[in-house]
C-alpha atoms as a PDB file:
ATOM      1  CA  MET A   1     -61.287  -0.747 -28.252  1.00  0.00           C
ATOM      2  CA  PRO A   2     -58.130  -1.979 -26.638  1.00  0.00           C
ATOM      3  CA  ARG A   3     -58.288  -5.178 -24.806  1.00  0.00           C
ATOM      4  CA  ALA A   4     -57.825  -5.215 -21.087  1.00  0.00           C
ATOM      5  CA  ARG A   5     -54.985  -7.356 -19.896  1.00  0.00           C
ATOM      6  CA  ALA A   6     -55.598  -9.880 -17.239  1.00  0.00           C
ATOM      7  CA  VAL A   7     -53.895  -8.963 -13.991  1.00  0.00           C
ATOM      8  CA  SER A   8     -53.103 -11.791 -11.700  1.00  0.00           C
ATOM      9  CA  GLY A   9     -54.231 -10.843  -8.275  1.00  0.00           C
ATOM     10  CA  GLY A  10     -53.282 -12.059  -4.848  1.00  0.00           C
ATOM     11  CA  ALA A  11     -49.963 -12.928  -3.306  1.00  0.00           C
ATOM     12  CA  GLY A  12     -48.768 -14.878  -6.325  1.00  0.00           C
ATOM     13  CA  GLY A  13     -48.160 -11.772  -8.415  1.00  0.00           C
ATOM     14  CA  LEU A  14     -46.564  -9.918  -5.516  1.00  0.00           C
ATOM     15  CA  ALA A  15     -44.221 -12.796  -4.755  1.00  0.00           C
ATOM     16  CA  ALA A  16     -43.061 -12.906  -8.344  1.00  0.00           C
ATOM     17  CA  GLY A  17     -42.180  -9.208  -8.219  1.00  0.00           C
ATOM     18  CA  CYS A  18     -40.313  -9.576  -4.912  1.00  0.00           C
ATOM     19  CA  ALA A  19     -38.300 -12.508  -6.213  1.00  0.00           C
ATOM     20  CA  GLY A  20     -36.534 -10.232  -8.650  1.00  0.00           C
ATOM     21  CA  LEU A  21     -35.880  -7.742  -5.863  1.00  0.00           C
ATOM     22  CA  GLY A  22     -34.261 -10.426  -3.712  1.00  0.00           C
ATOM     23  CA  GLU A  23     -31.987 -11.479  -6.551  1.00  0.00           C
ATOM     24  CA  ARG A  24     -30.873  -7.889  -7.079  1.00  0.00           C
ATOM     25  CA  ARG A  25     -30.180  -7.482  -3.365  1.00  0.00           C
ATOM     26  CA  ALA A  26     -28.182 -10.702  -3.310  1.00  0.00           C
ATOM     27  CA  ALA A  27     -26.191  -9.599  -6.340  1.00  0.00           C
ATOM     28  CA  SER A  28     -25.472  -6.206  -4.791  1.00  0.00           C
ATOM     29  CA  ALA A  29     -24.465  -7.883  -1.516  1.00  0.00           C
ATOM     30  CA  VAL A  30     -22.036 -10.119  -3.399  1.00  0.00           C
ATOM     31  CA  ALA A  31     -20.618  -7.104  -5.250  1.00  0.00           C
ATOM     32  CA  ALA A  32     -20.232  -5.185  -1.993  1.00  0.00           C
ATOM     33  CA  ARG A  33     -18.466  -8.139  -0.372  1.00  0.00           C
ATOM     34  CA  GLN A  34     -16.108  -8.440  -3.342  1.00  0.00           C
ATOM     35  CA  GLY A  35     -15.431  -4.706  -3.170  1.00  0.00           C
ATOM     36  CA  ARG A  36     -14.544  -4.925   0.534  1.00  0.00           C
ATOM     37  CA  ARG A  37     -12.219  -7.852  -0.176  1.00  0.00           C
ATOM     38  CA  ARG A  38     -10.537  -5.878  -2.956  1.00  0.00           C
ATOM     39  CA  VAL A  39     -10.059  -2.861  -0.683  1.00  0.00           C
ATOM     40  CA  LYS A  40      -8.537  -5.048   2.051  1.00  0.00           C
ATOM     41  CA  ALA A  41      -6.203  -6.692  -0.458  1.00  0.00           C
ATOM     42  CA  LEU A  42      -5.093  -3.292  -1.753  1.00  0.00           C
ATOM     43  CA  GLU A  43      -4.534  -2.022   1.796  1.00  0.00           C
ATOM     44  CA  ARG A  44      -2.390  -5.084   2.596  1.00  0.00           C
ATOM     45  CA  GLU A  45      -0.366  -4.555  -0.573  1.00  0.00           C
ATOM     46  CA  LEU A  46       0.125  -0.874   0.239  1.00  0.00           C
ATOM     47  CA  GLN A  47       1.259  -1.698   3.774  1.00  0.00           C
ATOM     48  CA  ARG A  48       3.727  -4.292   2.434  1.00  0.00           C
ATOM     49  CA  LYS A  49       5.154  -1.807  -0.062  1.00  0.00           C
ATOM     50  CA  ASP A  50       5.440   0.889   2.625  1.00  0.00           C
ATOM     51  CA  LYS A  51       7.450  -1.496   4.802  1.00  0.00           C
ATOM     52  CA  ALA A  52       9.712  -2.407   1.882  1.00  0.00           C
ATOM     53  CA  LEU A  53      10.259   1.266   1.070  1.00  0.00           C
ATOM     54  CA  ALA A  54      11.096   2.067   4.697  1.00  0.00           C
ATOM     55  CA  GLU A  55      13.592  -0.784   4.825  1.00  0.00           C
ATOM     56  CA  THR A  56      15.186   0.344   1.560  1.00  0.00           C
ATOM     57  CA  ALA A  57      15.510   3.885   2.898  1.00  0.00           C
ATOM     58  CA  ARG A  58      17.038   2.546   6.114  1.00  0.00           C
ATOM     59  CA  LEU A  59      19.567   0.459   4.188  1.00  0.00           C
ATOM     60  CA  ALA A  60      20.394   3.348   1.864  1.00  0.00           C
ATOM     61  CA  GLY A  61      21.188   5.477   4.902  1.00  0.00           C
ATOM     62  CA  ALA A  62      23.482   2.775   6.292  1.00  0.00           C
ATOM     63  CA  VAL A  63      25.509   2.523   3.079  1.00  0.00           C
ATOM     64  CA  LYS A  64      26.771   6.093   3.213  1.00  0.00           C
ATOM     65  CA  LYS A  65      30.467   6.394   3.841  1.00  0.00           C
ATOM     66  CA  PRO A  66      31.406   8.497   6.831  1.00  0.00           C
ATOM     67  CA  CYS A  67      33.429  11.502   5.818  1.00  0.00           C
ATOM     68  CA  GLY A  68      35.131  11.476   9.229  1.00  0.00           C
ATOM     69  CA  GLY A  69      36.182  15.094   8.990  1.00  0.00           C
ATOM     70  CA  LEU A  70      38.637  14.474   6.165  1.00  0.00           C
ATOM     71  CA  PRO A  71      38.828  16.958   3.344  1.00  0.00           C
ATOM     72  CA  ARG A  72      36.579  15.948   0.491  1.00  0.00           C
ATOM     73  CA  ARG A  73      39.070  16.757  -2.217  1.00  0.00           C
ATOM     74  CA  ARG A  74      40.941  13.813  -3.619  1.00  0.00           C
ATOM     75  CA  GLY A  75      44.650  13.899  -4.222  1.00  0.00           C
ATOM     76  CA  ARG A  76      45.359  16.386  -1.446  1.00  0.00           C
ATOM     77  CA  MET A  77      47.548  15.642   1.531  1.00  0.00           C
ATOM     78  CA  THR A  78      45.976  15.577   4.985  1.00  0.00           C
ATOM     79  CA  ARG A  79      47.638  17.868   7.463  1.00  0.00           C
ATOM     80  CA  LEU A  80      49.574  16.179  10.278  1.00  0.00           C
ATOM     81  CA  GLU A  81      47.314  17.727  12.924  1.00  0.00           C
ATOM     82  CA  ASP A  82      44.193  16.376  11.225  1.00  0.00           C
ATOM     83  CA  ARG A  83      45.753  12.948  10.817  1.00  0.00           C
ATOM     84  CA  GLN A  84      46.747  12.766  14.487  1.00  0.00           C
ATOM     85  CA  ILE A  85      43.175  13.627  15.540  1.00  0.00           C
ATOM     86  CA  LEU A  86      41.487  11.201  13.158  1.00  0.00           C
ATOM     87  CA  VAL A  87      43.900   8.230  13.270  1.00  0.00           C
ATOM     88  CA  PRO A  88      45.219   7.229  16.676  1.00  0.00           C
ATOM     89  CA  ASP A  89      48.939   6.473  16.936  1.00  0.00           C
ATOM     90  CA  PRO A  90      49.368   2.673  17.103  1.00  0.00           C
ATOM     91  CA  GLY A  91      52.591   2.990  19.152  1.00  0.00           C
ATOM     92  CA  ALA A  92      50.992   5.021  21.912  1.00  0.00           C
END
């Protein structure tokens, strides 16, 4: 016949089982806290990169040369009427 194992009774055995549960809860709480910190760090990084991208787009828009109504073809003469409209006469 198989031997019966001795079972420790009372609160001592229950406390030993709960101790492991508390350690697991503490470990999961630490992991959750680390996860929240990681998410916050990633959100800060994303916000910083969004600001940098917006500034780059703003600067790229400022660099464009104004066409000013001039013909876009190079090497062509500008008509006198167009020149008088676009460039004011310094003697006047």
